[in-house]
Amino acid sequence: RAGFREVSARDVWLEHRFIPESYLDLVEHWIDREVFAT
C-alpha cells in the first residue's frame, strides 16, 4: 500500500537461552526497570 513492489514477508523466530540470574538481570535493567526504580 505504501508503494513498494516485489514485496516478500515471512515469519522468523528470535531465540535466546537464559538462566535465572541472566533473565532477572534483564528484567531489572530493561524489561521492568520502572519497578526496580521505585
PDB file of all heavy atoms in Angstrom:
ATOM      1  N   ARG A   1       0.821  -1.209   0.000  1.00  0.00           N
ATOM      2  CA  ARG A   1       0.000   0.000   0.000  1.00  0.00           C
ATOM      3  C   ARG A   1       0.856   1.261   0.000  1.00  0.00           C
ATOM      4  O   ARG A   1       0.456   2.303  -0.545  1.00  0.00           O
ATOM      5  CB  ARG A   1      -0.942   0.010   1.214  1.00  0.00           C
ATOM      6  CG  ARG A   1      -2.111  -0.957   1.098  1.00  0.00           C
ATOM      7  CD  ARG A   1      -3.168  -0.656   2.152  1.00  0.00           C
ATOM      8  NE  ARG A   1      -2.655  -0.824   3.515  1.00  0.00           N
ATOM      9  CZ  ARG A   1      -2.668  -1.954   4.189  1.00  0.00           C
ATOM     10  NH1 ARG A   1      -3.145  -3.061   3.640  1.00  0.00           N
ATOM     11  NH2 ARG A   1      -2.194  -2.010   5.428  1.00  0.00           N
ATOM     12  N   ALA A   2       2.038   1.180   0.618  1.00  0.00           N
ATOM     13  CA  ALA A   2       2.930   2.340   0.653  1.00  0.00           C
ATOM     14  C   ALA A   2       3.597   2.587  -0.694  1.00  0.00           C
ATOM     15  O   ALA A   2       4.172   3.654  -0.909  1.00  0.00           O
ATOM     16  CB  ALA A   2       3.997   2.140   1.731  1.00  0.00           C
ATOM     17  N   GLY A   3       3.546   1.593  -1.600  1.00  0.00           N
ATOM     18  CA  GLY A   3       4.119   1.775  -2.922  1.00  0.00           C
ATOM     19  C   GLY A   3       5.267   0.847  -3.262  1.00  0.00           C
ATOM     20  O   GLY A   3       5.801   0.909  -4.371  1.00  0.00           O
ATOM     21  N   PHE A   4       5.663  -0.027  -2.319  1.00  0.00           N
ATOM     22  CA  PHE A   4       6.743  -0.967  -2.598  1.00  0.00           C
ATOM     23  C   PHE A   4       6.239  -2.082  -3.510  1.00  0.00           C
ATOM     24  O   PHE A   4       5.069  -2.462  -3.479  1.00  0.00           O
ATOM     25  CB  PHE A   4       7.291  -1.571  -1.294  1.00  0.00           C
ATOM     26  CG  PHE A   4       8.118  -0.618  -0.491  1.00  0.00           C
ATOM     27  CD1 PHE A   4       7.540   0.133   0.529  1.00  0.00           C
ATOM     28  CD2 PHE A   4       9.467  -0.455  -0.758  1.00  0.00           C
ATOM     29  CE1 PHE A   4       8.297   1.026   1.274  1.00  0.00           C
ATOM     30  CE2 PHE A   4      10.237   0.434  -0.027  1.00  0.00           C
ATOM     31  CZ  PHE A   4       9.642   1.182   0.995  1.00  0.00           C
ATOM     32  N   ARG A   5       7.153  -2.615  -4.317  1.00  0.00           N
ATOM     33  CA  ARG A   5       6.843  -3.719  -5.206  1.00  0.00           C
ATOM     34  C   ARG A   5       7.824  -4.873  -4.938  1.00  0.00           C
ATOM     35  O   ARG A   5       8.800  -4.705  -4.243  1.00  0.00           O
ATOM     36  CB  ARG A   5       6.934  -3.266  -6.664  1.00  0.00           C
ATOM     37  CG  ARG A   5       5.908  -2.188  -7.017  1.00  0.00           C
ATOM     38  CD  ARG A   5       4.480  -2.719  -6.891  1.00  0.00           C
ATOM     39  NE  ARG A   5       3.461  -1.702  -7.142  1.00  0.00           N
ATOM     40  CZ  ARG A   5       2.814  -1.042  -6.179  1.00  0.00           C
ATOM     41  NH1 ARG A   5       3.096  -1.280  -4.902  1.00  0.00           N
ATOM     42  NH2 ARG A   5       1.887  -0.147  -6.485  1.00  0.00           N
ATOM     43  N   GLU A   6       7.508  -6.018  -5.511  1.00  0.00           N
ATOM     44  CA  GLU A   6       8.310  -7.238  -5.279  1.00  0.00           C
ATOM     45  C   GLU A   6       8.459  -7.478  -3.774  1.00  0.00           C
ATOM     46  O   GLU A   6       9.544  -7.776  -3.272  1.00  0.00           O
ATOM     47  CB  GLU A   6       9.679  -7.132  -5.951  1.00  0.00           C
ATOM     48  CG  GLU A   6       9.616  -6.978  -7.462  1.00  0.00           C
ATOM     49  CD  GLU A   6      10.990  -6.876  -8.084  1.00  0.00           C
ATOM     50  OE1 GLU A   6      11.943  -7.474  -7.551  1.00  0.00           O
ATOM     51  OE2 GLU A   6      11.106  -6.165  -9.107  1.00  0.00           O
ATOM     52  N   VAL A   7       7.356  -7.345  -3.063  1.00  0.00           N
ATOM     53  CA  VAL A   7       7.373  -7.458  -1.602  1.00  0.00           C
ATOM     54  C   VAL A   7       7.340  -8.931  -1.192  1.00  0.00           C
ATOM     55  O   VAL A   7       6.542  -9.713  -1.711  1.00  0.00           O
ATOM     56  CB  VAL A   7       6.168  -6.718  -0.981  1.00  0.00           C
ATOM     57  CG1 VAL A   7       6.116  -6.947   0.525  1.00  0.00           C
ATOM     58  CG2 VAL A   7       6.239  -5.234  -1.309  1.00  0.00           C
ATOM     59  N   SER A   8       8.205  -9.275  -0.267  1.00  0.00           N
ATOM     60  CA  SER A   8       8.139 -10.592   0.374  1.00  0.00           C
ATOM     61  C   SER A   8       8.141 -10.380   1.880  1.00  0.00           C
ATOM     62  O   SER A   8       8.865  -9.528   2.390  1.00  0.00           O
ATOM     63  CB  SER A   8       9.314 -11.478  -0.043  1.00  0.00           C
ATOM     64  OG  SER A   8      10.534 -10.968   0.455  1.00  0.00           O
ATOM     65  N   ALA A   9       7.320 -11.155   2.560  1.00  0.00           N
ATOM     66  CA  ALA A   9       7.217 -11.043   4.019  1.00  0.00           C
ATOM     67  C   ALA A   9       7.103 -12.453   4.591  1.00  0.00           C
ATOM     68  O   ALA A   9       6.300 -13.253   4.109  1.00  0.00           O
ATOM     69  CB  ALA A   9       6.008 -10.202   4.422  1.00  0.00           C
ATOM     70  N   ARG A  10       7.882 -12.735   5.614  1.00  0.00           N
ATOM     71  CA  ARG A  10       7.859 -14.071   6.193  1.00  0.00           C
ATOM     72  C   ARG A  10       8.106 -14.013   7.694  1.00  0.00           C
ATOM     73  O   ARG A  10       8.736 -13.073   8.194  1.00  0.00           O
ATOM     74  CB  ARG A  10       8.888 -14.972   5.534  1.00  0.00           C
ATOM     75  CG  ARG A  10      10.345 -14.568   5.751  1.00  0.00           C
ATOM     76  CD  ARG A  10      11.262 -15.363   4.847  1.00  0.00           C
ATOM     77  NE  ARG A  10      12.676 -15.184   5.133  1.00  0.00           N
ATOM     78  CZ  ARG A  10      13.415 -14.170   4.704  1.00  0.00           C
ATOM     79  NH1 ARG A  10      12.849 -13.206   3.986  1.00  0.00           N
ATOM     80  NH2 ARG A  10      14.693 -14.087   4.994  1.00  0.00           N
ATOM     81  N   ASP A  11       7.616 -15.021   8.362  1.00  0.00           N
ATOM     82  CA  ASP A  11       7.853 -15.160   9.790  1.00  0.00           C
ATOM     83  C   ASP A  11       9.247 -15.731  10.029  1.00  0.00           C
ATOM     84  O   ASP A  11       9.691 -16.641   9.322  1.00  0.00           O
ATOM     85  CB  ASP A  11       6.826 -16.100  10.428  1.00  0.00           C
ATOM     86  CG  ASP A  11       5.425 -15.540  10.434  1.00  0.00           C
ATOM     87  OD1 ASP A  11       5.281 -14.305  10.482  1.00  0.00           O
ATOM     88  OD2 ASP A  11       4.466 -16.336  10.389  1.00  0.00           O
ATOM     89  N   VAL A  12       9.923 -15.198  11.036  1.00  0.00           N
ATOM     90  CA  VAL A  12      11.166 -15.779  11.546  1.00  0.00           C
ATOM     91  C   VAL A  12      11.071 -15.753  13.067  1.00  0.00           C
ATOM     92  O   VAL A  12      10.162 -15.141  13.636  1.00  0.00           O
ATOM     93  CB  VAL A  12      12.419 -15.016  11.050  1.00  0.00           C
ATOM     94  CG1 VAL A  12      12.585 -15.155   9.548  1.00  0.00           C
ATOM     95  CG2 VAL A  12      12.351 -13.540  11.442  1.00  0.00           C
ATOM     96  N   TRP A  13      12.007 -16.411  13.712  1.00  0.00           N
ATOM     97  CA  TRP A  13      11.939 -16.509  15.172  1.00  0.00           C
ATOM     98  C   TRP A  13      13.231 -16.029  15.811  1.00  0.00           C
ATOM     99  O   TRP A  13      14.327 -16.273  15.294  1.00  0.00           O
ATOM    100  CB  TRP A  13      11.662 -17.953  15.596  1.00  0.00           C
ATOM    101  CG  TRP A  13      10.262 -18.377  15.319  1.00  0.00           C
ATOM    102  CD1 TRP A  13       9.759 -18.847  14.138  1.00  0.00           C
ATOM    103  CD2 TRP A  13       9.162 -18.316  16.235  1.00  0.00           C
ATOM    104  NE1 TRP A  13       8.422 -19.095  14.253  1.00  0.00           N
ATOM    105  CE2 TRP A  13       8.022 -18.782  15.532  1.00  0.00           C
ATOM    106  CE3 TRP A  13       9.028 -17.944  17.569  1.00  0.00           C
ATOM    107  CZ2 TRP A  13       6.766 -18.875  16.127  1.00  0.00           C
ATOM    108  CZ3 TRP A  13       7.781 -18.027  18.160  1.00  0.00           C
ATOM    109  CH2 TRP A  13       6.658 -18.487  17.444  1.00  0.00           C
ATOM    110  N   LEU A  14      13.060 -15.321  16.903  1.00  0.00           N
ATOM    111  CA  LEU A  14      14.182 -14.907  17.742  1.00  0.00           C
ATOM    112  C   LEU A  14      14.221 -15.823  18.949  1.00  0.00           C
ATOM    113  O   LEU A  14      13.212 -15.998  19.643  1.00  0.00           O
ATOM    114  CB  LEU A  14      13.999 -13.453  18.192  1.00  0.00           C
ATOM    115  CG  LEU A  14      14.986 -12.913  19.224  1.00  0.00           C
ATOM    116  CD1 LEU A  14      16.413 -12.974  18.709  1.00  0.00           C
ATOM    117  CD2 LEU A  14      14.622 -11.491  19.630  1.00  0.00           C
ATOM    118  N   GLU A  15      15.379 -16.418  19.197  1.00  0.00           N
ATOM    119  CA  GLU A  15      15.541 -17.309  20.340  1.00  0.00           C
ATOM    120  C   GLU A  15      16.729 -16.863  21.181  1.00  0.00           C
ATOM    121  O   GLU A  15      17.744 -16.412  20.651  1.00  0.00           O
ATOM    122  CB  GLU A  15      15.778 -18.752  19.890  1.00  0.00           C
ATOM    123  CG  GLU A  15      14.599 -19.410  19.222  1.00  0.00           C
ATOM    124  CD  GLU A  15      14.835 -20.896  18.991  1.00  0.00           C
ATOM    125  OE1 GLU A  15      15.965 -21.373  19.259  1.00  0.00           O
ATOM    126  OE2 GLU A  15      13.894 -21.591  18.547  1.00  0.00           O
ATOM    127  N   HIS A  16      16.573 -17.002  22.481  1.00  0.00           N
ATOM    128  CA  HIS A  16      17.684 -16.729  23.403  1.00  0.00           C
ATOM    129  C   HIS A  16      17.511 -17.618  24.629  1.00  0.00           C
ATOM    130  O   HIS A  16      16.412 -17.698  25.188  1.00  0.00           O
ATOM    131  CB  HIS A  16      17.709 -15.258  23.815  1.00  0.00           C
ATOM    132  CG  HIS A  16      18.936 -14.888  24.592  1.00  0.00           C
ATOM    133  ND1 HIS A  16      20.118 -14.544  23.976  1.00  0.00           N
ATOM    134  CD2 HIS A  16      19.168 -14.854  25.929  1.00  0.00           C
ATOM    135  CE1 HIS A  16      21.028 -14.278  24.915  1.00  0.00           C
ATOM    136  NE2 HIS A  16      20.480 -14.462  26.094  1.00  0.00           N
ATOM    137  N   ARG A  17      18.586 -18.246  25.032  1.00  0.00           N
ATOM    138  CA  ARG A  17      18.526 -19.108  26.203  1.00  0.00           C
ATOM    139  C   ARG A  17      19.072 -18.369  27.424  1.00  0.00           C
ATOM    140  O   ARG A  17      20.209 -17.916  27.426  1.00  0.00           O
ATOM    141  CB  ARG A  17      19.308 -20.403  25.982  1.00  0.00           C
ATOM    142  CG  ARG A  17      19.137 -21.402  27.126  1.00  0.00           C
ATOM    143  CD  ARG A  17      19.763 -22.742  26.799  1.00  0.00           C
ATOM    144  NE  ARG A  17      19.065 -23.424  25.735  1.00  0.00           N
ATOM    145  CZ  ARG A  17      17.952 -24.137  25.921  1.00  0.00           C
ATOM    146  NH1 ARG A  17      17.413 -24.219  27.136  1.00  0.00           N
ATOM    147  NH2 ARG A  17      17.396 -24.755  24.908  1.00  0.00           N
ATOM    148  N   PHE A  18      18.232 -18.237  28.435  1.00  0.00           N
ATOM    149  CA  PHE A  18      18.603 -17.592  29.686  1.00  0.00           C
ATOM    150  C   PHE A  18      18.882 -18.633  30.761  1.00  0.00           C
ATOM    151  O   PHE A  18      18.606 -19.827  30.596  1.00  0.00           O
ATOM    152  CB  PHE A  18      17.463 -16.685  30.176  1.00  0.00           C
ATOM    153  CG  PHE A  18      17.198 -15.480  29.321  1.00  0.00           C
ATOM    154  CD1 PHE A  18      16.204 -15.502  28.346  1.00  0.00           C
ATOM    155  CD2 PHE A  18      17.927 -14.314  29.500  1.00  0.00           C
ATOM    156  CE1 PHE A  18      15.937 -14.390  27.565  1.00  0.00           C
ATOM    157  CE2 PHE A  18      17.660 -13.187  28.721  1.00  0.00           C
ATOM    158  CZ  PHE A  18      16.667 -13.235  27.756  1.00  0.00           C
ATOM    159  N   ILE A  19      19.415 -18.152  31.867  1.00  0.00           N
ATOM    160  CA  ILE A  19      19.397 -18.853  33.146  1.00  0.00           C
ATOM    161  C   ILE A  19      18.683 -17.912  34.113  1.00  0.00           C
ATOM    162  O   ILE A  19      18.470 -16.736  33.780  1.00  0.00           O
ATOM    163  CB  ILE A  19      20.807 -19.217  33.631  1.00  0.00           C
ATOM    164  CG1 ILE A  19      21.658 -17.952  33.824  1.00  0.00           C
ATOM    165  CG2 ILE A  19      21.489 -20.194  32.671  1.00  0.00           C
ATOM    166  CD1 ILE A  19      23.021 -18.217  34.452  1.00  0.00           C
ATOM    167  N   PRO A  20      18.278 -18.386  35.291  1.00  0.00           N
ATOM    168  CA  PRO A  20      17.529 -17.479  36.188  1.00  0.00           C
ATOM    169  C   PRO A  20      18.226 -16.151  36.435  1.00  0.00           C
ATOM    170  O   PRO A  20      17.596 -15.087  36.376  1.00  0.00           O
ATOM    171  CB  PRO A  20      17.392 -18.311  37.465  1.00  0.00           C
ATOM    172  CG  PRO A  20      17.358 -19.724  36.977  1.00  0.00           C
ATOM    173  CD  PRO A  20      18.317 -19.765  35.821  1.00  0.00           C
ATOM    174  N   GLU A  21      19.525 -16.175  36.694  1.00  0.00           N
ATOM    175  CA  GLU A  21      20.243 -14.938  37.008  1.00  0.00           C
ATOM    176  C   GLU A  21      20.283 -13.983  35.819  1.00  0.00           C
ATOM    177  O   GLU A  21      20.083 -12.770  35.973  1.00  0.00           O
ATOM    178  CB  GLU A  21      21.673 -15.253  37.477  1.00  0.00           C
ATOM    179  CG  GLU A  21      21.762 -15.948  38.823  1.00  0.00           C
ATOM    180  CD  GLU A  21      21.467 -17.443  38.755  1.00  0.00           C
ATOM    181  OE1 GLU A  21      21.307 -17.984  37.620  1.00  0.00           O
ATOM    182  OE2 GLU A  21      21.389 -18.078  39.824  1.00  0.00           O
ATOM    183  N   SER A  22      20.535 -14.519  34.620  1.00  0.00           N
ATOM    184  CA  SER A  22      20.647 -13.633  33.462  1.00  0.00           C
ATOM    185  C   SER A  22      19.287 -13.046  33.081  1.00  0.00           C
ATOM    186  O   SER A  22      19.205 -11.883  32.670  1.00  0.00           O
ATOM    187  CB  SER A  22      21.257 -14.376  32.263  1.00  0.00           C
ATOM    188  OG  SER A  22      20.397 -15.401  31.800  1.00  0.00           O
ATOM    189  N   TYR A  23      18.221 -13.834  33.260  1.00  0.00           N
ATOM    190  CA  TYR A  23      16.911 -13.281  32.940  1.00  0.00           C
ATOM    191  C   TYR A  23      16.497 -12.222  33.961  1.00  0.00           C
ATOM    192  O   TYR A  23      15.961 -11.179  33.597  1.00  0.00           O
ATOM    193  CB  TYR A  23      15.837 -14.366  32.845  1.00  0.00           C
ATOM    194  CG  TYR A  23      14.539 -13.794  32.346  1.00  0.00           C
ATOM    195  CD1 TYR A  23      14.449 -13.326  31.030  1.00  0.00           C
ATOM    196  CD2 TYR A  23      13.433 -13.639  33.173  1.00  0.00           C
ATOM    197  CE1 TYR A  23      13.285 -12.736  30.558  1.00  0.00           C
ATOM    198  CE2 TYR A  23      12.262 -13.051  32.704  1.00  0.00           C
ATOM    199  CZ  TYR A  23      12.197 -12.599  31.394  1.00  0.00           C
ATOM    200  OH  TYR A  23      11.061 -12.006  30.928  1.00  0.00           O
ATOM    201  N   LEU A  24      16.774 -12.463  35.227  1.00  0.00           N
ATOM    202  CA  LEU A  24      16.425 -11.472  36.237  1.00  0.00           C
ATOM    203  C   LEU A  24      17.226 -10.191  36.048  1.00  0.00           C
ATOM    204  O   LEU A  24      16.713  -9.088  36.270  1.00  0.00           O
ATOM    205  CB  LEU A  24      16.637 -12.041  37.641  1.00  0.00           C
ATOM    206  CG  LEU A  24      16.188 -11.133  38.790  1.00  0.00           C
ATOM    207  CD1 LEU A  24      14.718 -10.740  38.648  1.00  0.00           C
ATOM    208  CD2 LEU A  24      16.423 -11.821  40.136  1.00  0.00           C
ATOM    209  N   ASP A  25      18.480 -10.297  35.610  1.00  0.00           N
ATOM    210  CA  ASP A  25      19.258  -9.099  35.296  1.00  0.00           C
ATOM    211  C   ASP A  25      18.580  -8.292  34.190  1.00  0.00           C
ATOM    212  O   ASP A  25      18.491  -7.064  34.269  1.00  0.00           O
ATOM    213  CB  ASP A  25      20.673  -9.486  34.855  1.00  0.00           C
ATOM    214  CG  ASP A  25      21.555  -9.909  36.013  1.00  0.00           C
ATOM    215  OD1 ASP A  25      21.209  -9.616  37.175  1.00  0.00           O
ATOM    216  OD2 ASP A  25      22.594 -10.546  35.750  1.00  0.00           O
ATOM    217  N   LEU A  26      18.102  -8.990  33.162  1.00  0.00           N
ATOM    218  CA  LEU A  26      17.407  -8.302  32.073  1.00  0.00           C
ATOM    219  C   LEU A  26      16.126  -7.641  32.574  1.00  0.00           C
ATOM    220  O   LEU A  26      15.817  -6.501  32.199  1.00  0.00           O
ATOM    221  CB  LEU A  26      17.081  -9.295  30.955  1.00  0.00           C
ATOM    222  CG  LEU A  26      16.361  -8.716  29.734  1.00  0.00           C
ATOM    223  CD1 LEU A  26      17.258  -7.726  28.990  1.00  0.00           C
ATOM    224  CD2 LEU A  26      15.902  -9.829  28.797  1.00  0.00           C
ATOM    225  N   VAL A  27      15.387  -8.335  33.421  1.00  0.00           N
ATOM    226  CA  VAL A  27      14.156  -7.770  33.990  1.00  0.00           C
ATOM    227  C   VAL A  27      14.474  -6.508  34.794  1.00  0.00           C
ATOM    228  O   VAL A  27      13.813  -5.481  34.653  1.00  0.00           O
ATOM    229  CB  VAL A  27      13.451  -8.812  34.884  1.00  0.00           C
ATOM    230  CG1 VAL A  27      12.334  -8.158  35.695  1.00  0.00           C
ATOM    231  CG2 VAL A  27      12.879  -9.942  34.030  1.00  0.00           C
ATOM    232  N   GLU A  28      15.507  -6.586  35.616  1.00  0.00           N
ATOM    233  CA  GLU A  28      15.840  -5.448  36.478  1.00  0.00           C
ATOM    234  C   GLU A  28      16.322  -4.240  35.686  1.00  0.00           C
ATOM    235  O   GLU A  28      15.953  -3.099  35.986  1.00  0.00           O
ATOM    236  CB  GLU A  28      16.910  -5.843  37.492  1.00  0.00           C
ATOM    237  CG  GLU A  28      17.343  -4.697  38.391  1.00  0.00           C
ATOM    238  CD  GLU A  28      18.348  -5.101  39.450  1.00  0.00           C
ATOM    239  OE1 GLU A  28      18.678  -6.308  39.537  1.00  0.00           O
ATOM    240  OE2 GLU A  28      18.806  -4.211  40.198  1.00  0.00           O
ATOM    241  N   HIS A  29      17.126  -4.469  34.676  1.00  0.00           N
ATOM    242  CA  HIS A  29      17.771  -3.351  33.980  1.00  0.00           C
ATOM    243  C   HIS A  29      17.058  -2.911  32.716  1.00  0.00           C
ATOM    244  O   HIS A  29      17.358  -1.821  32.196  1.00  0.00           O
ATOM    245  CB  HIS A  29      19.218  -3.715  33.658  1.00  0.00           C
ATOM    246  CG  HIS A  29      20.068  -3.931  34.869  1.00  0.00           C
ATOM    247  ND1 HIS A  29      20.505  -2.893  35.652  1.00  0.00           N
ATOM    248  CD2 HIS A  29      20.532  -5.075  35.444  1.00  0.00           C
ATOM    249  CE1 HIS A  29      21.223  -3.382  36.663  1.00  0.00           C
ATOM    250  NE2 HIS A  29      21.248  -4.686  36.559  1.00  0.00           N
ATOM    251  N   TRP A  30      16.095  -3.742  32.223  1.00  0.00           N
ATOM    252  CA  TRP A  30      15.420  -3.322  30.997  1.00  0.00           C
ATOM    253  C   TRP A  30      13.912  -3.548  31.054  1.00  0.00           C
ATOM    254  O   TRP A  30      13.136  -2.600  31.009  1.00  0.00           O
ATOM    255  CB  TRP A  30      16.010  -4.042  29.778  1.00  0.00           C
ATOM    256  CG  TRP A  30      15.370  -3.582  28.506  1.00  0.00           C
ATOM    257  CD1 TRP A  30      14.530  -4.278  27.702  1.00  0.00           C
ATOM    258  CD2 TRP A  30      15.481  -2.275  27.923  1.00  0.00           C
ATOM    259  NE1 TRP A  30      14.122  -3.501  26.641  1.00  0.00           N
ATOM    260  CE2 TRP A  30      14.693  -2.264  26.751  1.00  0.00           C
ATOM    261  CE3 TRP A  30      16.185  -1.112  28.281  1.00  0.00           C
ATOM    262  CZ2 TRP A  30      14.580  -1.139  25.946  1.00  0.00           C
ATOM    263  CZ3 TRP A  30      16.060   0.003  27.470  1.00  0.00           C
ATOM    264  CH2 TRP A  30      15.277  -0.010  26.318  1.00  0.00           C
ATOM    265  N   ILE A  31      13.459  -4.797  31.148  1.00  0.00           N
ATOM    266  CA  ILE A  31      12.032  -5.081  30.976  1.00  0.00           C
ATOM    267  C   ILE A  31      11.176  -4.382  32.031  1.00  0.00           C
ATOM    268  O   ILE A  31      10.184  -3.729  31.713  1.00  0.00           O
ATOM    269  CB  ILE A  31      11.772  -6.600  31.008  1.00  0.00           C
ATOM    270  CG1 ILE A  31      12.496  -7.285  29.843  1.00  0.00           C
ATOM    271  CG2 ILE A  31      10.268  -6.892  30.945  1.00  0.00           C
ATOM    272  CD1 ILE A  31      12.404  -8.799  29.868  1.00  0.00           C
ATOM    273  N   ASP A  32      11.553  -4.530  33.300  1.00  0.00           N
ATOM    274  CA  ASP A  32      10.782  -3.941  34.396  1.00  0.00           C
ATOM    275  C   ASP A  32      11.647  -2.979  35.203  1.00  0.00           C
ATOM    276  O   ASP A  32      11.560  -2.931  36.436  1.00  0.00           O
ATOM    277  CB  ASP A  32      10.215  -5.039  35.303  1.00  0.00           C
ATOM    278  CG  ASP A  32       8.999  -5.719  34.698  1.00  0.00           C
ATOM    279  OD1 ASP A  32       8.032  -5.008  34.367  1.00  0.00           O
ATOM    280  OD2 ASP A  32       9.015  -6.943  34.540  1.00  0.00           O
ATOM    281  N   ARG A  33      12.443  -2.196  34.503  1.00  0.00           N
ATOM    282  CA  ARG A  33      13.319  -1.250  35.190  1.00  0.00           C
ATOM    283  C   ARG A  33      12.523  -0.252  36.025  1.00  0.00           C
ATOM    284  O   ARG A  33      13.000   0.206  37.064  1.00  0.00           O
ATOM    285  CB  ARG A  33      14.199  -0.525  34.186  1.00  0.00           C
ATOM    286  CG  ARG A  33      13.419   0.243  33.123  1.00  0.00           C
ATOM    287  CD  ARG A  33      14.311   0.837  32.049  1.00  0.00           C
ATOM    288  NE  ARG A  33      13.526   1.560  31.063  1.00  0.00           N
ATOM    289  CZ  ARG A  33      13.026   1.025  29.969  1.00  0.00           C
ATOM    290  NH1 ARG A  33      13.238  -0.251  29.716  1.00  0.00           N
ATOM    291  NH2 ARG A  33      12.318   1.750  29.124  1.00  0.00           N
ATOM    292  N   GLU A  34      11.291   0.077  35.559  1.00  0.00           N
ATOM    293  CA  GLU A  34      10.480   1.033  36.317  1.00  0.00           C
ATOM    294  C   GLU A  34      10.092   0.471  37.682  1.00  0.00           C
ATOM    295  O   GLU A  34       9.973   1.217  38.656  1.00  0.00           O
ATOM    296  CB  GLU A  34       9.215   1.397  35.531  1.00  0.00           C
ATOM    297  CG  GLU A  34       9.477   2.148  34.241  1.00  0.00           C
ATOM    298  CD  GLU A  34       9.581   1.219  33.047  1.00  0.00           C
ATOM    299  OE1 GLU A  34       9.719  -0.007  33.280  1.00  0.00           O
ATOM    300  OE2 GLU A  34       9.540   1.698  31.898  1.00  0.00           O
ATOM    301  N   VAL A  35       9.865  -0.833  37.759  1.00  0.00           N
ATOM    302  CA  VAL A  35       9.538  -1.458  39.048  1.00  0.00           C
ATOM    303  C   VAL A  35      10.695  -1.294  40.015  1.00  0.00           C
ATOM    304  O   VAL A  35      10.521  -0.842  41.159  1.00  0.00           O
ATOM    305  CB  VAL A  35       9.213  -2.958  38.857  1.00  0.00           C
ATOM    306  CG1 VAL A  35       9.073  -3.648  40.211  1.00  0.00           C
ATOM    307  CG2 VAL A  35       7.944  -3.132  38.037  1.00  0.00           C
ATOM    308  N   PHE A  36      11.892  -1.657  39.583  1.00  0.00           N
ATOM    309  CA  PHE A  36      13.056  -1.579  40.467  1.00  0.00           C
ATOM    310  C   PHE A  36      13.397  -0.138  40.828  1.00  0.00           C
ATOM    311  O   PHE A  36      13.908   0.127  41.916  1.00  0.00           O
ATOM    312  CB  PHE A  36      14.254  -2.274  39.809  1.00  0.00           C
ATOM    313  CG  PHE A  36      14.187  -3.770  39.878  1.00  0.00           C
ATOM    314  CD1 PHE A  36      13.537  -4.501  38.894  1.00  0.00           C
ATOM    315  CD2 PHE A  36      14.760  -4.460  40.933  1.00  0.00           C
ATOM    316  CE1 PHE A  36      13.462  -5.883  38.950  1.00  0.00           C
ATOM    317  CE2 PHE A  36      14.699  -5.848  41.006  1.00  0.00           C
ATOM    318  CZ  PHE A  36      14.040  -6.564  40.007  1.00  0.00           C
ATOM    319  N   ALA A  37      13.106   0.794  39.924  1.00  0.00           N
ATOM    320  CA  ALA A  37      13.410   2.203  40.198  1.00  0.00           C
ATOM    321  C   ALA A  37      12.587   2.749  41.356  1.00  0.00           C
ATOM    322  O   ALA A  37      12.992   3.722  42.009  1.00  0.00           O
ATOM    323  CB  ALA A  37      13.184   3.046  38.948  1.00  0.00           C
ATOM    324  N   THR A  38      11.425   2.139  41.643  1.00  0.00           N
ATOM    325  CA  THR A  38      10.573   2.617  42.736  1.00  0.00           C
ATOM    326  C   THR A  38      10.973   2.052  44.094  1.00  0.00           C
ATOM    327  O   THR A  38      10.423   2.466  45.107  1.00  0.00           O
ATOM    328  CB  THR A  38       9.100   2.238  42.470  1.00  0.00           C
ATOM    329  OG1 THR A  38       8.964   0.803  42.481  1.00  0.00           O
ATOM    330  CG2 THR A  38       8.624   2.782  41.132  1.00  0.00           C
TER     331      THR A  38
END
